[in-house]
Amino acid sequence: MRFAAGVVMPGRPGDAAATLLCAQAFPAMPTNDDVLFAAMMLWGYGVILAVLILFGDKLVRAR
């Protein structure tokens, strides 16, 4: 669990800032798509966290 949190947590502040400043970070994206961007980022981190919780221990010990 600590391994999964250590992989996922460092990226969260950067994505939170990118979501807050979505119009400046991604000027080509329509301004009302920032909610969709935030949802996709949250979903992506959830998938990464779930995979690392389920299989991360096996990946670390395999070496």
PDB file of N, CA and C in Angstrom:
ATOM      1  N   MET A   1       0.825  -1.196   0.000  1.00  0.00           N
ATOM      2  CA  MET A   1       0.000   0.000   0.000  1.00  0.00           C
ATOM      3  C   MET A   1       0.869   1.260   0.000  1.00  0.00           C
ATOM      4  N   ARG A   2       1.964   1.215   0.760  1.00  0.00           N
ATOM      5  CA  ARG A   2       2.837   2.388   0.807  1.00  0.00           C
ATOM      6  C   ARG A   2       3.499   2.634  -0.544  1.00  0.00           C
ATOM      7  N   PHE A   3       3.842   1.548  -1.227  1.00  0.00           N
ATOM      8  CA  PHE A   3       4.435   1.674  -2.555  1.00  0.00           C
ATOM      9  C   PHE A   3       3.460   2.355  -3.517  1.00  0.00           C
ATOM     10  N   ALA A   4       2.209   1.931  -3.493  1.00  0.00           N
ATOM     11  CA  ALA A   4       1.190   2.508  -4.377  1.00  0.00           C
ATOM     12  C   ALA A   4       0.988   3.985  -4.077  1.00  0.00           C
ATOM     13  N   ALA A   5       0.902   4.320  -2.805  1.00  0.00           N
ATOM     14  CA  ALA A   5       0.724   5.723  -2.433  1.00  0.00           C
ATOM     15  C   ALA A   5       1.951   6.546  -2.823  1.00  0.00           C
ATOM     16  N   GLY A   6       3.133   5.963  -2.698  1.00  0.00           N
ATOM     17  CA  GLY A   6       4.356   6.667  -3.064  1.00  0.00           C
ATOM     18  C   GLY A   6       4.466   6.940  -4.554  1.00  0.00           C
ATOM     19  N   VAL A   7       3.847   6.106  -5.350  1.00  0.00           N
ATOM     20  CA  VAL A   7       3.869   6.317  -6.799  1.00  0.00           C
ATOM     21  C   VAL A   7       2.807   7.335  -7.204  1.00  0.00           C
ATOM     22  N   VAL A   8       1.624   7.235  -6.612  1.00  0.00           N
ATOM     23  CA  VAL A   8       0.487   8.052  -7.039  1.00  0.00           C
ATOM     24  C   VAL A   8       0.517   9.456  -6.442  1.00  0.00           C
ATOM     25  N   MET A   9       0.866   9.599  -5.200  1.00  0.00           N
ATOM     26  CA  MET A   9       0.706  10.884  -4.511  1.00  0.00           C
ATOM     27  C   MET A   9       1.568  12.028  -5.057  1.00  0.00           C
ATOM     28  N   PRO A  10       2.787  11.816  -5.519  1.00  0.00           N
ATOM     29  CA  PRO A  10       3.551  12.965  -6.024  1.00  0.00           C
ATOM     30  C   PRO A  10       2.926  13.669  -7.232  1.00  0.00           C
ATOM     31  N   GLY A  11       2.166  12.952  -8.044  1.00  0.00           N
ATOM     32  CA  GLY A  11       1.567  13.565  -9.217  1.00  0.00           C
ATOM     33  C   GLY A  11       0.290  14.336  -8.947  1.00  0.00           C
ATOM     34  N   ARG A  12      -0.332  14.098  -7.825  1.00  0.00           N
ATOM     35  CA  ARG A  12      -1.618  14.722  -7.529  1.00  0.00           C
ATOM     36  C   ARG A  12      -1.548  16.249  -7.423  1.00  0.00           C
ATOM     37  N   PRO A  13      -0.577  16.836  -6.734  1.00  0.00           N
ATOM     38  CA  PRO A  13      -0.553  18.315  -6.669  1.00  0.00           C
ATOM     39  C   PRO A  13      -0.387  18.974  -8.041  1.00  0.00           C
ATOM     40  N   GLY A  14       0.427  18.377  -8.894  1.00  0.00           N
ATOM     41  CA  GLY A  14       0.593  18.939 -10.236  1.00  0.00           C
ATOM     42  C   GLY A  14      -0.678  18.867 -11.053  1.00  0.00           C
ATOM     43  N   ASP A  15      -1.400  17.773 -10.931  1.00  0.00           N
ATOM     44  CA  ASP A  15      -2.661  17.650 -11.661  1.00  0.00           C
ATOM     45  C   ASP A  15      -3.736  18.554 -11.077  1.00  0.00           C
ATOM     46  N   ALA A  16      -3.706  18.756  -9.776  1.00  0.00           N
ATOM     47  CA  ALA A  16      -4.658  19.693  -9.169  1.00  0.00           C
ATOM     48  C   ALA A  16      -4.401  21.108  -9.684  1.00  0.00           C
ATOM     49  N   ALA A  17      -3.135  21.493  -9.777  1.00  0.00           N
ATOM     50  CA  ALA A  17      -2.810  22.822 -10.305  1.00  0.00           C
ATOM     51  C   ALA A  17      -3.179  22.926 -11.780  1.00  0.00           C
ATOM     52  N   ALA A  18      -2.941  21.857 -12.545  1.00  0.00           N
ATOM     53  CA  ALA A  18      -3.301  21.883 -13.968  1.00  0.00           C
ATOM     54  C   ALA A  18      -4.807  21.984 -14.151  1.00  0.00           C
ATOM     55  N   THR A  19      -5.568  21.360 -13.248  1.00  0.00           N
ATOM     56  CA  THR A  19      -7.020  21.449 -13.325  1.00  0.00           C
ATOM     57  C   THR A  19      -7.502  22.842 -12.972  1.00  0.00           C
ATOM     58  N   LEU A  20      -6.910  23.440 -11.956  1.00  0.00           N
ATOM     59  CA  LEU A  20      -7.308  24.793 -11.559  1.00  0.00           C
ATOM     60  C   LEU A  20      -6.947  25.817 -12.629  1.00  0.00           C
ATOM     61  N   LEU A  21      -5.825  25.610 -13.273  1.00  0.00           N
ATOM     62  CA  LEU A  21      -5.355  26.546 -14.295  1.00  0.00           C
ATOM     63  C   LEU A  21      -5.503  25.931 -15.687  1.00  0.00           C
ATOM     64  N   CYS A  22      -6.592  25.224 -15.894  1.00  0.00           N
ATOM     65  CA  CYS A  22      -6.786  24.453 -17.125  1.00  0.00           C
ATOM     66  C   CYS A  22      -6.739  25.345 -18.371  1.00  0.00           C
ATOM     67  N   ALA A  23      -7.334  26.502 -18.303  1.00  0.00           N
ATOM     68  CA  ALA A  23      -7.367  27.380 -19.473  1.00  0.00           C
ATOM     69  C   ALA A  23      -5.972  27.872 -19.852  1.00  0.00           C
ATOM     70  N   GLN A  24      -5.127  28.115 -18.856  1.00  0.00           N
ATOM     71  CA  GLN A  24      -3.763  28.564 -19.146  1.00  0.00           C
ATOM     72  C   GLN A  24      -2.859  27.399 -19.539  1.00  0.00           C
ATOM     73  N   ALA A  25      -3.062  26.233 -18.909  1.00  0.00           N
ATOM     74  CA  ALA A  25      -2.202  25.087 -19.192  1.00  0.00           C
ATOM     75  C   ALA A  25      -2.526  24.446 -20.541  1.00  0.00           C
ATOM     76  N   PHE A  26      -3.819  24.438 -20.882  1.00  0.00           N
ATOM     77  CA  PHE A  26      -4.263  23.823 -22.131  1.00  0.00           C
ATOM     78  C   PHE A  26      -5.139  24.814 -22.889  1.00  0.00           C
ATOM     79  N   PRO A  27      -4.541  25.805 -23.561  1.00  0.00           N
ATOM     80  CA  PRO A  27      -5.347  26.855 -24.197  1.00  0.00           C
ATOM     81  C   PRO A  27      -6.214  26.369 -25.361  1.00  0.00           C
ATOM     82  N   ALA A  28      -5.869  25.246 -25.977  1.00  0.00           N
ATOM     83  CA  ALA A  28      -6.660  24.756 -27.106  1.00  0.00           C
ATOM     84  C   ALA A  28      -7.923  24.020 -26.657  1.00  0.00           C
ATOM     85  N   MET A  29      -7.982  23.634 -25.385  1.00  0.00           N
ATOM     86  CA  MET A  29      -9.142  22.902 -24.889  1.00  0.00           C
ATOM     87  C   MET A  29     -10.259  23.881 -24.533  1.00  0.00           C
ATOM     88  N   PRO A  30     -11.492  23.572 -24.896  1.00  0.00           N
ATOM     89  CA  PRO A  30     -12.607  24.453 -24.524  1.00  0.00           C
ATOM     90  C   PRO A  30     -12.697  24.621 -23.006  1.00  0.00           C
ATOM     91  N   THR A  31     -13.094  25.792 -22.571  1.00  0.00           N
ATOM     92  CA  THR A  31     -13.067  26.103 -21.131  1.00  0.00           C
ATOM     93  C   THR A  31     -14.044  25.267 -20.317  1.00  0.00           C
ATOM     94  N   ASN A  32     -15.113  24.793 -20.930  1.00  0.00           N
ATOM     95  CA  ASN A  32     -16.064  24.005 -20.148  1.00  0.00           C
ATOM     96  C   ASN A  32     -15.662  22.535 -20.037  1.00  0.00           C
ATOM     97  N   ASP A  33     -14.557  22.147 -20.652  1.00  0.00           N
ATOM     98  CA  ASP A  33     -14.083  20.767 -20.564  1.00  0.00           C
ATOM     99  C   ASP A  33     -13.171  20.539 -19.370  1.00  0.00           C
ATOM    100  N   ASP A  34     -12.965  21.536 -18.513  1.00  0.00           N
ATOM    101  CA  ASP A  34     -12.095  21.346 -17.364  1.00  0.00           C
ATOM    102  C   ASP A  34     -12.661  20.328 -16.378  1.00  0.00           C
ATOM    103  N   VAL A  35     -13.970  20.228 -16.287  1.00  0.00           N
ATOM    104  CA  VAL A  35     -14.581  19.237 -15.408  1.00  0.00           C
ATOM    105  C   VAL A  35     -14.317  17.827 -15.944  1.00  0.00           C
ATOM    106  N   LEU A  36     -14.416  17.656 -17.241  1.00  0.00           N
ATOM    107  CA  LEU A  36     -14.117  16.367 -17.860  1.00  0.00           C
ATOM    108  C   LEU A  36     -12.649  16.011 -17.663  1.00  0.00           C
ATOM    109  N   PHE A  37     -11.769  16.978 -17.813  1.00  0.00           N
ATOM    110  CA  PHE A  37     -10.344  16.754 -17.592  1.00  0.00           C
ATOM    111  C   PHE A  37     -10.087  16.302 -16.157  1.00  0.00           C
ATOM    112  N   ALA A  38     -10.698  16.975 -15.198  1.00  0.00           N
ATOM    113  CA  ALA A  38     -10.513  16.602 -13.793  1.00  0.00           C
ATOM    114  C   ALA A  38     -11.040  15.198 -13.527  1.00  0.00           C
ATOM    115  N   ALA A  39     -12.182  14.859 -14.093  1.00  0.00           N
ATOM    116  CA  ALA A  39     -12.746  13.526 -13.895  1.00  0.00           C
ATOM    117  C   ALA A  39     -11.853  12.451 -14.504  1.00  0.00           C
ATOM    118  N   MET A  40     -11.310  12.727 -15.680  1.00  0.00           N
ATOM    119  CA  MET A  40     -10.425  11.753 -16.320  1.00  0.00           C
ATOM    120  C   MET A  40      -9.135  11.568 -15.523  1.00  0.00           C
ATOM    121  N   MET A  41      -8.603  12.635 -14.971  1.00  0.00           N
ATOM    122  CA  MET A  41      -7.393  12.527 -14.163  1.00  0.00           C
ATOM    123  C   MET A  41      -7.666  11.733 -12.888  1.00  0.00           C
ATOM    124  N   LEU A  42      -8.791  11.997 -12.240  1.00  0.00           N
ATOM    125  CA  LEU A  42      -9.140  11.259 -11.031  1.00  0.00           C
ATOM    126  C   LEU A  42      -9.346   9.779 -11.345  1.00  0.00           C
ATOM    127  N   TRP A  43     -10.029   9.476 -12.456  1.00  0.00           N
ATOM    128  CA  TRP A  43     -10.244   8.096 -12.861  1.00  0.00           C
ATOM    129  C   TRP A  43      -8.900   7.419 -13.153  1.00  0.00           C
ATOM    130  N   GLY A  44      -8.033   8.114 -13.845  1.00  0.00           N
ATOM    131  CA  GLY A  44      -6.726   7.549 -14.168  1.00  0.00           C
ATOM    132  C   GLY A  44      -5.906   7.230 -12.933  1.00  0.00           C
ATOM    133  N   TYR A  45      -5.881   8.142 -11.981  1.00  0.00           N
ATOM    134  CA  TYR A  45      -5.154   7.875 -10.749  1.00  0.00           C
ATOM    135  C   TYR A  45      -5.805   6.758  -9.954  1.00  0.00           C
ATOM    136  N   GLY A  46      -7.118   6.638 -10.022  1.00  0.00           N
ATOM    137  CA  GLY A  46      -7.790   5.529  -9.353  1.00  0.00           C
ATOM    138  C   GLY A  46      -7.395   4.189  -9.942  1.00  0.00           C
ATOM    139  N   VAL A  47      -7.302   4.131 -11.272  1.00  0.00           N
ATOM    140  CA  VAL A  47      -6.882   2.891 -11.939  1.00  0.00           C
ATOM    141  C   VAL A  47      -5.434   2.563 -11.584  1.00  0.00           C
ATOM    142  N   ILE A  48      -4.568   3.552 -11.622  1.00  0.00           N
ATOM    143  CA  ILE A  48      -3.164   3.323 -11.267  1.00  0.00           C
ATOM    144  C   ILE A  48      -3.051   2.843  -9.830  1.00  0.00           C
ATOM    145  N   LEU A  49      -3.766   3.483  -8.925  1.00  0.00           N
ATOM    146  CA  LEU A  49      -3.718   3.096  -7.519  1.00  0.00           C
ATOM    147  C   LEU A  49      -4.260   1.689  -7.322  1.00  0.00           C
ATOM    148  N   ALA A  50      -5.367   1.349  -7.968  1.00  0.00           N
ATOM    149  CA  ALA A  50      -5.938   0.009  -7.827  1.00  0.00           C
ATOM    150  C   ALA A  50      -4.982  -1.062  -8.348  1.00  0.00           C
ATOM    151  N   VAL A  51      -4.371  -0.816  -9.503  1.00  0.00           N
ATOM    152  CA  VAL A  51      -3.431  -1.796 -10.064  1.00  0.00           C
ATOM    153  C   VAL A  51      -2.223  -1.959  -9.156  1.00  0.00           C
ATOM    154  N   LEU A  52      -1.719  -0.859  -8.625  1.00  0.00           N
ATOM    155  CA  LEU A  52      -0.548  -0.963  -7.752  1.00  0.00           C
ATOM    156  C   LEU A  52      -0.889  -1.623  -6.428  1.00  0.00           C
ATOM    157  N   ILE A  53      -2.081  -1.398  -5.913  1.00  0.00           N
ATOM    158  CA  ILE A  53      -2.472  -2.063  -4.674  1.00  0.00           C
ATOM    159  C   ILE A  53      -2.621  -3.565  -4.918  1.00  0.00           C
ATOM    160  N   LEU A  54      -3.219  -3.929  -6.046  1.00  0.00           N
ATOM    161  CA  LEU A  54      -3.448  -5.344  -6.325  1.00  0.00           C
ATOM    162  C   LEU A  54      -2.180  -6.081  -6.757  1.00  0.00           C
ATOM    163  N   PHE A  55      -1.349  -5.450  -7.582  1.00  0.00           N
ATOM    164  CA  PHE A  55      -0.216  -6.151  -8.174  1.00  0.00           C
ATOM    165  C   PHE A  55       1.139  -5.531  -7.851  1.00  0.00           C
ATOM    166  N   GLY A  56       1.175  -4.407  -7.177  1.00  0.00           N
ATOM    167  CA  GLY A  56       2.440  -3.718  -6.917  1.00  0.00           C
ATOM    168  C   GLY A  56       3.398  -4.518  -6.067  1.00  0.00           C
ATOM    169  N   ASP A  57       2.871  -5.232  -5.074  1.00  0.00           N
ATOM    170  CA  ASP A  57       3.735  -6.030  -4.210  1.00  0.00           C
ATOM    171  C   ASP A  57       4.427  -7.130  -5.006  1.00  0.00           C
ATOM    172  N   LYS A  58       3.718  -7.731  -5.947  1.00  0.00           N
ATOM    173  CA  LYS A  58       4.306  -8.775  -6.786  1.00  0.00           C
ATOM    174  C   LYS A  58       5.372  -8.188  -7.709  1.00  0.00           C
ATOM    175  N   LEU A  59       5.150  -6.982  -8.184  1.00  0.00           N
ATOM    176  CA  LEU A  59       6.129  -6.351  -9.057  1.00  0.00           C
ATOM    177  C   LEU A  59       7.402  -6.005  -8.320  1.00  0.00           C
ATOM    178  N   VAL A  60       7.281  -5.540  -7.100  1.00  0.00           N
ATOM    179  CA  VAL A  60       8.449  -5.132  -6.323  1.00  0.00           C
ATOM    180  C   VAL A  60       9.241  -6.361  -5.904  1.00  0.00           C
ATOM    181  N   ARG A  61       8.586  -7.426  -5.492  1.00  0.00           N
ATOM    182  CA  ARG A  61       9.275  -8.618  -5.019  1.00  0.00           C
ATOM    183  C   ARG A  61       9.773  -9.518  -6.133  1.00  0.00           C
ATOM    184  N   ALA A  62       9.345  -9.278  -7.354  1.00  0.00           N
ATOM    185  CA  ALA A  62       9.760 -10.133  -8.467  1.00  0.00           C
ATOM    186  C   ALA A  62      11.240  -9.955  -8.794  1.00  0.00           C
ATOM    187  N   ARG A  63      11.809  -8.878  -8.421  1.00  0.00           N
ATOM    188  CA  ARG A  63      13.230  -8.621  -8.746  1.00  0.00           C
ATOM    189  C   ARG A  63      14.113  -9.080  -7.678  1.00  0.00           C
TER     190      ARG A  63
END
